[in-house]
Amino acid sequence: EDFHAVIDGMEMDVVGDIRAPDDATLDT
């Protein structure tokens, strides 16, 4: 699950450019 979490984080940058995320999204 930790390897998957790393991939999930990278996907957050792929789905759309992260711009001014809320605090909860930034923490995720």
mmCIF file of all heavy atoms, coordinates in Angstrom:
data_MODEL
# 
_entry.id   MODEL 
# 
loop_
_atom_site.group_PDB 
_atom_site.id 
_atom_site.type_symbol 
_atom_site.label_atom_id 
_atom_site.label_alt_id 
_atom_site.label_comp_id 
_atom_site.label_asym_id 
_atom_site.label_entity_id 
_atom_site.label_seq_id 
_atom_site.pdbx_PDB_ins_code 
_atom_site.Cartn_x 
_atom_site.Cartn_y 
_atom_site.Cartn_z 
_atom_site.occupancy 
_atom_site.B_iso_or_equiv 
_atom_site.pdbx_formal_charge 
_atom_site.auth_seq_id 
_atom_site.auth_comp_id 
_atom_site.auth_asym_id 
_atom_site.auth_atom_id 
_atom_site.pdbx_PDB_model_num 
ATOM 1   N N   . GLU A 1 1  ? 0.807   -1.220 0.000   1.00 0.00 ? 1  GLU A N   1 
ATOM 2   C CA  . GLU A 1 1  ? 0.000   0.000  0.000   1.00 0.00 ? 1  GLU A CA  1 
ATOM 3   C C   . GLU A 1 1  ? 0.841   1.271  0.000   1.00 0.00 ? 1  GLU A C   1 
ATOM 4   O O   . GLU A 1 1  ? 0.388   2.317  -0.474  1.00 0.00 ? 1  GLU A O   1 
ATOM 5   C CB  . GLU A 1 1  ? -0.965  0.013  1.190   1.00 0.00 ? 1  GLU A CB  1 
ATOM 6   C CG  . GLU A 1 1  ? -0.326  -0.120 2.547   1.00 0.00 ? 1  GLU A CG  1 
ATOM 7   C CD  . GLU A 1 1  ? -0.351  -1.545 3.077   1.00 0.00 ? 1  GLU A CD  1 
ATOM 8   O OE1 . GLU A 1 1  ? -0.243  -2.490 2.259   1.00 0.00 ? 1  GLU A OE1 1 
ATOM 9   O OE2 . GLU A 1 1  ? -0.490  -1.706 4.312   1.00 0.00 ? 1  GLU A OE2 1 
ATOM 10  N N   . ASP A 1 2  ? 2.064   1.172  0.520   1.00 0.00 ? 2  ASP A N   1 
ATOM 11  C CA  . ASP A 1 2  ? 2.925   2.357  0.499   1.00 0.00 ? 2  ASP A CA  1 
ATOM 12  C C   . ASP A 1 2  ? 3.448   2.631  -0.906  1.00 0.00 ? 2  ASP A C   1 
ATOM 13  O O   . ASP A 1 2  ? 3.559   3.791  -1.323  1.00 0.00 ? 2  ASP A O   1 
ATOM 14  C CB  . ASP A 1 2  ? 4.069   2.207  1.496   1.00 0.00 ? 2  ASP A CB  1 
ATOM 15  C CG  . ASP A 1 2  ? 3.588   2.226  2.937   1.00 0.00 ? 2  ASP A CG  1 
ATOM 16  O OD1 . ASP A 1 2  ? 2.629   2.963  3.220   1.00 0.00 ? 2  ASP A OD1 1 
ATOM 17  O OD2 . ASP A 1 2  ? 4.154   1.500  3.776   1.00 0.00 ? 2  ASP A OD2 1 
ATOM 18  N N   . PHE A 1 3  ? 3.771   1.591  -1.663  1.00 0.00 ? 3  PHE A N   1 
ATOM 19  C CA  . PHE A 1 3  ? 4.145   1.790  -3.064  1.00 0.00 ? 3  PHE A CA  1 
ATOM 20  C C   . PHE A 1 3  ? 2.969   2.372  -3.843  1.00 0.00 ? 3  PHE A C   1 
ATOM 21  O O   . PHE A 1 3  ? 3.133   3.301  -4.647  1.00 0.00 ? 3  PHE A O   1 
ATOM 22  C CB  . PHE A 1 3  ? 4.574   0.457  -3.703  1.00 0.00 ? 3  PHE A CB  1 
ATOM 23  C CG  . PHE A 1 3  ? 5.919   -0.038 -3.274  1.00 0.00 ? 3  PHE A CG  1 
ATOM 24  C CD1 . PHE A 1 3  ? 6.048   -1.091 -2.372  1.00 0.00 ? 3  PHE A CD1 1 
ATOM 25  C CD2 . PHE A 1 3  ? 7.083   0.540  -3.775  1.00 0.00 ? 3  PHE A CD2 1 
ATOM 26  C CE1 . PHE A 1 3  ? 7.293   -1.560 -1.989  1.00 0.00 ? 3  PHE A CE1 1 
ATOM 27  C CE2 . PHE A 1 3  ? 8.343   0.081  -3.392  1.00 0.00 ? 3  PHE A CE2 1 
ATOM 28  C CZ  . PHE A 1 3  ? 8.440   -0.977 -2.486  1.00 0.00 ? 3  PHE A CZ  1 
ATOM 29  N N   . HIS A 1 4  ? 1.788   1.845  -3.595  1.00 0.00 ? 4  HIS A N   1 
ATOM 30  C CA  . HIS A 1 4  ? 0.602   2.359  -4.278  1.00 0.00 ? 4  HIS A CA  1 
ATOM 31  C C   . HIS A 1 4  ? 0.348   3.816  -3.916  1.00 0.00 ? 4  HIS A C   1 
ATOM 32  O O   . HIS A 1 4  ? -0.074  4.607  -4.768  1.00 0.00 ? 4  HIS A O   1 
ATOM 33  C CB  . HIS A 1 4  ? -0.613  1.502  -3.937  1.00 0.00 ? 4  HIS A CB  1 
ATOM 34  C CG  . HIS A 1 4  ? -0.755  0.287  -4.790  1.00 0.00 ? 4  HIS A CG  1 
ATOM 35  N ND1 . HIS A 1 4  ? -1.182  0.341  -6.097  1.00 0.00 ? 4  HIS A ND1 1 
ATOM 36  C CD2 . HIS A 1 4  ? -0.522  -1.032 -4.534  1.00 0.00 ? 4  HIS A CD2 1 
ATOM 37  C CE1 . HIS A 1 4  ? -1.215  -0.883 -6.606  1.00 0.00 ? 4  HIS A CE1 1 
ATOM 38  N NE2 . HIS A 1 4  ? -0.804  -1.738 -5.679  1.00 0.00 ? 4  HIS A NE2 1 
ATOM 39  N N   . ALA A 1 5  ? 0.577   4.167  -2.656  1.00 0.00 ? 5  ALA A N   1 
ATOM 40  C CA  . ALA A 1 5  ? 0.362   5.554  -2.236  1.00 0.00 ? 5  ALA A CA  1 
ATOM 41  C C   . ALA A 1 5  ? 1.280   6.504  -2.993  1.00 0.00 ? 5  ALA A C   1 
ATOM 42  O O   . ALA A 1 5  ? 0.860   7.603  -3.389  1.00 0.00 ? 5  ALA A O   1 
ATOM 43  C CB  . ALA A 1 5  ? 0.583   5.686  -0.728  1.00 0.00 ? 5  ALA A CB  1 
ATOM 44  N N   . VAL A 1 6  ? 2.527   6.103  -3.189  1.00 0.00 ? 6  VAL A N   1 
ATOM 45  C CA  . VAL A 1 6  ? 3.454   6.945  -3.953  1.00 0.00 ? 6  VAL A CA  1 
ATOM 46  C C   . VAL A 1 6  ? 2.923   7.163  -5.372  1.00 0.00 ? 6  VAL A C   1 
ATOM 47  O O   . VAL A 1 6  ? 2.904   8.289  -5.884  1.00 0.00 ? 6  VAL A O   1 
ATOM 48  C CB  . VAL A 1 6  ? 4.861   6.318  -3.998  1.00 0.00 ? 6  VAL A CB  1 
ATOM 49  C CG1 . VAL A 1 6  ? 5.786   7.149  -4.891  1.00 0.00 ? 6  VAL A CG1 1 
ATOM 50  C CG2 . VAL A 1 6  ? 5.452   6.210  -2.595  1.00 0.00 ? 6  VAL A CG2 1 
ATOM 51  N N   . ILE A 1 7  ? 2.459   6.096  -6.001  1.00 0.00 ? 7  ILE A N   1 
ATOM 52  C CA  . ILE A 1 7  ? 1.915   6.204  -7.352  1.00 0.00 ? 7  ILE A CA  1 
ATOM 53  C C   . ILE A 1 7  ? 0.677   7.103  -7.350  1.00 0.00 ? 7  ILE A C   1 
ATOM 54  O O   . ILE A 1 7  ? 0.495   7.936  -8.245  1.00 0.00 ? 7  ILE A O   1 
ATOM 55  C CB  . ILE A 1 7  ? 1.582   4.815  -7.918  1.00 0.00 ? 7  ILE A CB  1 
ATOM 56  C CG1 . ILE A 1 7  ? 2.852   3.966  -8.029  1.00 0.00 ? 7  ILE A CG1 1 
ATOM 57  C CG2 . ILE A 1 7  ? 0.902   4.930  -9.280  1.00 0.00 ? 7  ILE A CG2 1 
ATOM 58  C CD1 . ILE A 1 7  ? 2.597   2.499  -8.360  1.00 0.00 ? 7  ILE A CD1 1 
ATOM 59  N N   . ASP A 1 8  ? -0.183  6.949  -6.325  1.00 0.00 ? 8  ASP A N   1 
ATOM 60  C CA  . ASP A 1 8  ? -1.373  7.793  -6.224  1.00 0.00 ? 8  ASP A CA  1 
ATOM 61  C C   . ASP A 1 8  ? -0.998  9.266  -6.145  1.00 0.00 ? 8  ASP A C   1 
ATOM 62  O O   . ASP A 1 8  ? -1.666  10.126 -6.735  1.00 0.00 ? 8  ASP A O   1 
ATOM 63  C CB  . ASP A 1 8  ? -2.188  7.406  -4.986  1.00 0.00 ? 8  ASP A CB  1 
ATOM 64  C CG  . ASP A 1 8  ? -2.847  6.042  -5.107  1.00 0.00 ? 8  ASP A CG  1 
ATOM 65  O OD1 . ASP A 1 8  ? -2.915  5.504  -6.237  1.00 0.00 ? 8  ASP A OD1 1 
ATOM 66  O OD2 . ASP A 1 8  ? -3.285  5.503  -4.065  1.00 0.00 ? 8  ASP A OD2 1 
ATOM 67  N N   . GLY A 1 9  ? 0.054   9.569  -5.392  1.00 0.00 ? 9  GLY A N   1 
ATOM 68  C CA  . GLY A 1 9  ? 0.498   10.958 -5.287  1.00 0.00 ? 9  GLY A CA  1 
ATOM 69  C C   . GLY A 1 9  ? 0.974   11.503 -6.615  1.00 0.00 ? 9  GLY A C   1 
ATOM 70  O O   . GLY A 1 9  ? 0.672   12.647 -6.978  1.00 0.00 ? 9  GLY A O   1 
ATOM 71  N N   . MET A 1 10 ? 1.718   10.684 -7.357  1.00 0.00 ? 10 MET A N   1 
ATOM 72  C CA  . MET A 1 10 ? 2.174   11.123 -8.666  1.00 0.00 ? 10 MET A CA  1 
ATOM 73  C C   . MET A 1 10 ? 0.984   11.343 -9.602  1.00 0.00 ? 10 MET A C   1 
ATOM 74  O O   . MET A 1 10 ? 0.982   12.276 -10.417 1.00 0.00 ? 10 MET A O   1 
ATOM 75  C CB  . MET A 1 10 ? 3.132   10.088 -9.266  1.00 0.00 ? 10 MET A CB  1 
ATOM 76  C CG  . MET A 1 10 ? 4.377   9.822  -8.438  1.00 0.00 ? 10 MET A CG  1 
ATOM 77  S SD  . MET A 1 10 ? 5.312   11.333 -8.073  1.00 0.00 ? 10 MET A SD  1 
ATOM 78  C CE  . MET A 1 10 ? 6.487   10.698 -6.861  1.00 0.00 ? 10 MET A CE  1 
ATOM 79  N N   . GLU A 1 11 ? -0.038  10.512 -9.459  1.00 0.00 ? 11 GLU A N   1 
ATOM 80  C CA  . GLU A 1 11 ? -1.215  10.661 -10.312 1.00 0.00 ? 11 GLU A CA  1 
ATOM 81  C C   . GLU A 1 11 ? -1.953  11.967 -10.028 1.00 0.00 ? 11 GLU A C   1 
ATOM 82  O O   . GLU A 1 11 ? -2.595  12.531 -10.921 1.00 0.00 ? 11 GLU A O   1 
ATOM 83  C CB  . GLU A 1 11 ? -2.158  9.478  -10.128 1.00 0.00 ? 11 GLU A CB  1 
ATOM 84  C CG  . GLU A 1 11 ? -3.289  9.452  -11.139 1.00 0.00 ? 11 GLU A CG  1 
ATOM 85  C CD  . GLU A 1 11 ? -4.098  8.180  -11.084 1.00 0.00 ? 11 GLU A CD  1 
ATOM 86  O OE1 . GLU A 1 11 ? -4.464  7.768  -9.967  1.00 0.00 ? 11 GLU A OE1 1 
ATOM 87  O OE2 . GLU A 1 11 ? -4.343  7.581  -12.153 1.00 0.00 ? 11 GLU A OE2 1 
ATOM 88  N N   . MET A 1 12 ? -1.878  12.452 -8.792  1.00 0.00 ? 12 MET A N   1 
ATOM 89  C CA  . MET A 1 12 ? -2.505  13.734 -8.476  1.00 0.00 ? 12 MET A CA  1 
ATOM 90  C C   . MET A 1 12 ? -1.938  14.848 -9.340  1.00 0.00 ? 12 MET A C   1 
ATOM 91  O O   . MET A 1 12 ? -2.636  15.800 -9.697  1.00 0.00 ? 12 MET A O   1 
ATOM 92  C CB  . MET A 1 12 ? -2.323  14.065 -6.992  1.00 0.00 ? 12 MET A CB  1 
ATOM 93  C CG  . MET A 1 12 ? -3.104  13.169 -6.058  1.00 0.00 ? 12 MET A CG  1 
ATOM 94  S SD  . MET A 1 12 ? -2.763  13.491 -4.301  1.00 0.00 ? 12 MET A SD  1 
ATOM 95  C CE  . MET A 1 12 ? -3.553  15.106 -4.089  1.00 0.00 ? 12 MET A CE  1 
ATOM 96  N N   . ASP A 1 13 ? -0.654  14.744 -9.704  1.00 0.00 ? 13 ASP A N   1 
ATOM 97  C CA  . ASP A 1 13 ? -0.020  15.740 -10.574 1.00 0.00 ? 13 ASP A CA  1 
ATOM 98  C C   . ASP A 1 13 ? -0.361  15.515 -12.039 1.00 0.00 ? 13 ASP A C   1 
ATOM 99  O O   . ASP A 1 13 ? -0.155  16.402 -12.865 1.00 0.00 ? 13 ASP A O   1 
ATOM 100 C CB  . ASP A 1 13 ? 1.506   15.701 -10.409 1.00 0.00 ? 13 ASP A CB  1 
ATOM 101 C CG  . ASP A 1 13 ? 1.983   16.504 -9.214  1.00 0.00 ? 13 ASP A CG  1 
ATOM 102 O OD1 . ASP A 1 13 ? 1.403   17.572 -8.950  1.00 0.00 ? 13 ASP A OD1 1 
ATOM 103 O OD2 . ASP A 1 13 ? 2.929   16.060 -8.545  1.00 0.00 ? 13 ASP A OD2 1 
ATOM 104 N N   . VAL A 1 14 ? -0.844  14.318 -12.374 1.00 0.00 ? 14 VAL A N   1 
ATOM 105 C CA  . VAL A 1 14 ? -1.131  13.971 -13.764 1.00 0.00 ? 14 VAL A CA  1 
ATOM 106 C C   . VAL A 1 14 ? -2.577  14.279 -14.137 1.00 0.00 ? 14 VAL A C   1 
ATOM 107 O O   . VAL A 1 14 ? -2.858  14.780 -15.225 1.00 0.00 ? 14 VAL A O   1 
ATOM 108 C CB  . VAL A 1 14 ? -0.821  12.483 -14.029 1.00 0.00 ? 14 VAL A CB  1 
ATOM 109 C CG1 . VAL A 1 14 ? -1.301  12.063 -15.416 1.00 0.00 ? 14 VAL A CG1 1 
ATOM 110 C CG2 . VAL A 1 14 ? 0.677   12.217 -13.885 1.00 0.00 ? 14 VAL A CG2 1 
ATOM 111 N N   . VAL A 1 15 ? -3.499  13.993 -13.224 1.00 0.00 ? 15 VAL A N   1 
ATOM 112 C CA  . VAL A 1 15 ? -4.922  14.210 -13.502 1.00 0.00 ? 15 VAL A CA  1 
ATOM 113 C C   . VAL A 1 15 ? -5.165  15.657 -13.908 1.00 0.00 ? 15 VAL A C   1 
ATOM 114 O O   . VAL A 1 15 ? -5.939  15.956 -14.818 1.00 0.00 ? 15 VAL A O   1 
ATOM 115 C CB  . VAL A 1 15 ? -5.770  13.834 -12.272 1.00 0.00 ? 15 VAL A CB  1 
ATOM 116 C CG1 . VAL A 1 15 ? -7.222  14.256 -12.466 1.00 0.00 ? 15 VAL A CG1 1 
ATOM 117 C CG2 . VAL A 1 15 ? -5.686  12.339 -12.019 1.00 0.00 ? 15 VAL A CG2 1 
ATOM 118 N N   . GLY A 1 16 ? -4.517  16.574 -13.234 1.00 0.00 ? 16 GLY A N   1 
ATOM 119 C CA  . GLY A 1 16 ? -4.606  18.001 -13.554 1.00 0.00 ? 16 GLY A CA  1 
ATOM 120 C C   . GLY A 1 16 ? -3.534  18.717 -12.771 1.00 0.00 ? 16 GLY A C   1 
ATOM 121 O O   . GLY A 1 16 ? -3.107  18.233 -11.709 1.00 0.00 ? 16 GLY A O   1 
ATOM 122 N N   . ASP A 1 17 ? -3.066  19.847 -13.273 1.00 0.00 ? 17 ASP A N   1 
ATOM 123 C CA  . ASP A 1 17 ? -2.034  20.585 -12.552 1.00 0.00 ? 17 ASP A CA  1 
ATOM 124 C C   . ASP A 1 17 ? -2.596  21.054 -11.215 1.00 0.00 ? 17 ASP A C   1 
ATOM 125 O O   . ASP A 1 17 ? -3.622  21.736 -11.161 1.00 0.00 ? 17 ASP A O   1 
ATOM 126 C CB  . ASP A 1 17 ? -1.569  21.789 -13.374 1.00 0.00 ? 17 ASP A CB  1 
ATOM 127 C CG  . ASP A 1 17 ? -0.816  21.371 -14.625 1.00 0.00 ? 17 ASP A CG  1 
ATOM 128 O OD1 . ASP A 1 17 ? -0.067  20.381 -14.549 1.00 0.00 ? 17 ASP A OD1 1 
ATOM 129 O OD2 . ASP A 1 17 ? -0.995  22.019 -15.670 1.00 0.00 ? 17 ASP A OD2 1 
ATOM 130 N N   . ILE A 1 18 ? -1.928  20.694 -10.139 1.00 0.00 ? 18 ILE A N   1 
ATOM 131 C CA  . ILE A 1 18 ? -2.369  21.099 -8.807  1.00 0.00 ? 18 ILE A CA  1 
ATOM 132 C C   . ILE A 1 18 ? -2.156  22.598 -8.655  1.00 0.00 ? 18 ILE A C   1 
ATOM 133 O O   . ILE A 1 18 ? -1.050  23.105 -8.848  1.00 0.00 ? 18 ILE A O   1 
ATOM 134 C CB  . ILE A 1 18 ? -1.605  20.326 -7.720  1.00 0.00 ? 18 ILE A CB  1 
ATOM 135 C CG1 . ILE A 1 18 ? -1.931  18.835 -7.803  1.00 0.00 ? 18 ILE A CG1 1 
ATOM 136 C CG2 . ILE A 1 18 ? -1.945  20.867 -6.333  1.00 0.00 ? 18 ILE A CG2 1 
ATOM 137 C CD1 . ILE A 1 18 ? -1.192  17.978 -6.795  1.00 0.00 ? 18 ILE A CD1 1 
ATOM 138 N N   . ARG A 1 19 ? -3.241  23.280 -8.301  1.00 0.00 ? 19 ARG A N   1 
ATOM 139 C CA  . ARG A 1 19 ? -3.152  24.725 -8.093  1.00 0.00 ? 19 ARG A CA  1 
ATOM 140 C C   . ARG A 1 19 ? -3.943  25.105 -6.849  1.00 0.00 ? 19 ARG A C   1 
ATOM 141 O O   . ARG A 1 19 ? -5.145  24.893 -6.790  1.00 0.00 ? 19 ARG A O   1 
ATOM 142 C CB  . ARG A 1 19 ? -3.708  25.490 -9.298  1.00 0.00 ? 19 ARG A CB  1 
ATOM 143 C CG  . ARG A 1 19 ? -2.847  25.379 -10.546 1.00 0.00 ? 19 ARG A CG  1 
ATOM 144 C CD  . ARG A 1 19 ? -3.302  26.367 -11.607 1.00 0.00 ? 19 ARG A CD  1 
ATOM 145 N NE  . ARG A 1 19 ? -2.439  26.342 -12.774 1.00 0.00 ? 19 ARG A NE  1 
ATOM 146 C CZ  . ARG A 1 19 ? -2.527  27.212 -13.776 1.00 0.00 ? 19 ARG A CZ  1 
ATOM 147 N NH1 . ARG A 1 19 ? -3.448  28.174 -13.743 1.00 0.00 ? 19 ARG A NH1 1 
ATOM 148 N NH2 . ARG A 1 19 ? -1.708  27.129 -14.811 1.00 0.00 ? 19 ARG A NH2 1 
ATOM 149 N N   . ALA A 1 20 ? -3.249  25.629 -5.865  1.00 0.00 ? 20 ALA A N   1 
ATOM 150 C CA  . ALA A 1 20 ? -3.870  26.100 -4.628  1.00 0.00 ? 20 ALA A CA  1 
ATOM 151 C C   . ALA A 1 20 ? -4.804  25.043 -4.039  1.00 0.00 ? 20 ALA A C   1 
ATOM 152 O O   . ALA A 1 20 ? -6.007  25.285 -3.885  1.00 0.00 ? 20 ALA A O   1 
ATOM 153 C CB  . ALA A 1 20 ? -4.610  27.417 -4.858  1.00 0.00 ? 20 ALA A CB  1 
ATOM 154 N N   . PRO A 1 21 ? -4.308  23.875 -3.705  1.00 0.00 ? 21 PRO A N   1 
ATOM 155 C CA  . PRO A 1 21 ? -5.159  22.836 -3.109  1.00 0.00 ? 21 PRO A CA  1 
ATOM 156 C C   . PRO A 1 21 ? -5.617  23.266 -1.719  1.00 0.00 ? 21 PRO A C   1 
ATOM 157 O O   . PRO A 1 21 ? -4.959  24.082 -1.061  1.00 0.00 ? 21 PRO A O   1 
ATOM 158 C CB  . PRO A 1 21 ? -4.213  21.635 -3.023  1.00 0.00 ? 21 PRO A CB  1 
ATOM 159 C CG  . PRO A 1 21 ? -2.854  22.259 -2.855  1.00 0.00 ? 21 PRO A CG  1 
ATOM 160 C CD  . PRO A 1 21 ? -2.879  23.489 -3.723  1.00 0.00 ? 21 PRO A CD  1 
ATOM 161 N N   . ASP A 1 22 ? -6.744  22.731 -1.262  1.00 0.00 ? 22 ASP A N   1 
ATOM 162 C CA  . ASP A 1 22 ? -7.117  23.013 0.120   1.00 0.00 ? 22 ASP A CA  1 
ATOM 163 C C   . ASP A 1 22 ? -6.172  22.247 1.035   1.00 0.00 ? 22 ASP A C   1 
ATOM 164 O O   . ASP A 1 22 ? -5.405  21.377 0.591   1.00 0.00 ? 22 ASP A O   1 
ATOM 165 C CB  . ASP A 1 22 ? -8.584  22.676 0.391   1.00 0.00 ? 22 ASP A CB  1 
ATOM 166 C CG  . ASP A 1 22 ? -8.935  21.220 0.123   1.00 0.00 ? 22 ASP A CG  1 
ATOM 167 O OD1 . ASP A 1 22 ? -8.117  20.325 0.439   1.00 0.00 ? 22 ASP A OD1 1 
ATOM 168 O OD2 . ASP A 1 22 ? -10.025 20.970 -0.402  1.00 0.00 ? 22 ASP A OD2 1 
ATOM 169 N N   . ASP A 1 23 ? -6.204  22.575 2.320   1.00 0.00 ? 23 ASP A N   1 
ATOM 170 C CA  . ASP A 1 23 ? -5.244  21.988 3.255   1.00 0.00 ? 23 ASP A CA  1 
ATOM 171 C C   . ASP A 1 23 ? -5.328  20.457 3.293   1.00 0.00 ? 23 ASP A C   1 
ATOM 172 O O   . ASP A 1 23 ? -4.306  19.782 3.375   1.00 0.00 ? 23 ASP A O   1 
ATOM 173 C CB  . ASP A 1 23 ? -5.470  22.544 4.665   1.00 0.00 ? 23 ASP A CB  1 
ATOM 174 C CG  . ASP A 1 23 ? -4.773  23.886 4.879   1.00 0.00 ? 23 ASP A CG  1 
ATOM 175 O OD1 . ASP A 1 23 ? -3.676  24.071 4.330   1.00 0.00 ? 23 ASP A OD1 1 
ATOM 176 O OD2 . ASP A 1 23 ? -5.323  24.728 5.607   1.00 0.00 ? 23 ASP A OD2 1 
ATOM 177 N N   . ALA A 1 24 ? -6.547  19.933 3.219   1.00 0.00 ? 24 ALA A N   1 
ATOM 178 C CA  . ALA A 1 24 ? -6.712  18.484 3.273   1.00 0.00 ? 24 ALA A CA  1 
ATOM 179 C C   . ALA A 1 24 ? -6.093  17.814 2.057   1.00 0.00 ? 24 ALA A C   1 
ATOM 180 O O   . ALA A 1 24 ? -5.432  16.767 2.170   1.00 0.00 ? 24 ALA A O   1 
ATOM 181 C CB  . ALA A 1 24 ? -8.196  18.127 3.376   1.00 0.00 ? 24 ALA A CB  1 
ATOM 182 N N   . THR A 1 25 ? -6.280  18.413 0.880   1.00 0.00 ? 25 THR A N   1 
ATOM 183 C CA  . THR A 1 25 ? -5.697  17.850 -0.345  1.00 0.00 ? 25 THR A CA  1 
ATOM 184 C C   . THR A 1 25 ? -4.175  17.945 -0.311  1.00 0.00 ? 25 THR A C   1 
ATOM 185 O O   . THR A 1 25 ? -3.477  17.006 -0.705  1.00 0.00 ? 25 THR A O   1 
ATOM 186 C CB  . THR A 1 25 ? -6.248  18.574 -1.583  1.00 0.00 ? 25 THR A CB  1 
ATOM 187 O OG1 . THR A 1 25 ? -7.675  18.434 -1.606  1.00 0.00 ? 25 THR A OG1 1 
ATOM 188 C CG2 . THR A 1 25 ? -5.661  18.000 -2.857  1.00 0.00 ? 25 THR A CG2 1 
ATOM 189 N N   . LEU A 1 26 ? -3.671  19.075 0.169   1.00 0.00 ? 26 LEU A N   1 
ATOM 190 C CA  . LEU A 1 26 ? -2.217  19.230 0.275   1.00 0.00 ? 26 LEU A CA  1 
ATOM 191 C C   . LEU A 1 26 ? -1.641  18.185 1.220   1.00 0.00 ? 26 LEU A C   1 
ATOM 192 O O   . LEU A 1 26 ? -0.593  17.589 0.940   1.00 0.00 ? 26 LEU A O   1 
ATOM 193 C CB  . LEU A 1 26 ? -1.869  20.628 0.761   1.00 0.00 ? 26 LEU A CB  1 
ATOM 194 C CG  . LEU A 1 26 ? -0.369  20.895 0.991   1.00 0.00 ? 26 LEU A CG  1 
ATOM 195 C CD1 . LEU A 1 26 ? 0.429   20.722 -0.299  1.00 0.00 ? 26 LEU A CD1 1 
ATOM 196 C CD2 . LEU A 1 26 ? -0.147  22.295 1.575   1.00 0.00 ? 26 LEU A CD2 1 
ATOM 197 N N   . ASP A 1 27 ? -2.326  17.938 2.332   1.00 0.00 ? 27 ASP A N   1 
ATOM 198 C CA  . ASP A 1 27 ? -1.822  16.953 3.280   1.00 0.00 ? 27 ASP A CA  1 
ATOM 199 C C   . ASP A 1 27 ? -1.856  15.550 2.679   1.00 0.00 ? 27 ASP A C   1 
ATOM 200 O O   . ASP A 1 27 ? -0.930  14.755 2.893   1.00 0.00 ? 27 ASP A O   1 
ATOM 201 C CB  . ASP A 1 27 ? -2.639  16.993 4.566   1.00 0.00 ? 27 ASP A CB  1 
ATOM 202 C CG  . ASP A 1 27 ? -1.969  16.202 5.679   1.00 0.00 ? 27 ASP A CG  1 
ATOM 203 O OD1 . ASP A 1 27 ? -0.858  16.580 6.100   1.00 0.00 ? 27 ASP A OD1 1 
ATOM 204 O OD2 . ASP A 1 27 ? -2.547  15.185 6.116   1.00 0.00 ? 27 ASP A OD2 1 
ATOM 205 N N   . THR A 1 28 ? -2.913  15.252 1.924   1.00 0.00 ? 28 THR A N   1 
ATOM 206 C CA  . THR A 1 28 ? -2.977  13.954 1.236   1.00 0.00 ? 28 THR A CA  1 
ATOM 207 C C   . THR A 1 28 ? -1.814  13.819 0.262   1.00 0.00 ? 28 THR A C   1 
ATOM 208 O O   . THR A 1 28 ? -1.171  12.757 0.170   1.00 0.00 ? 28 THR A O   1 
ATOM 209 C CB  . THR A 1 28 ? -4.309  13.810 0.476   1.00 0.00 ? 28 THR A CB  1 
ATOM 210 O OG1 . THR A 1 28 ? -5.377  13.797 1.423   1.00 0.00 ? 28 THR A OG1 1 
ATOM 211 C CG2 . THR A 1 28 ? -4.346  12.524 -0.342  1.00 0.00 ? 28 THR A CG2 1 
# 
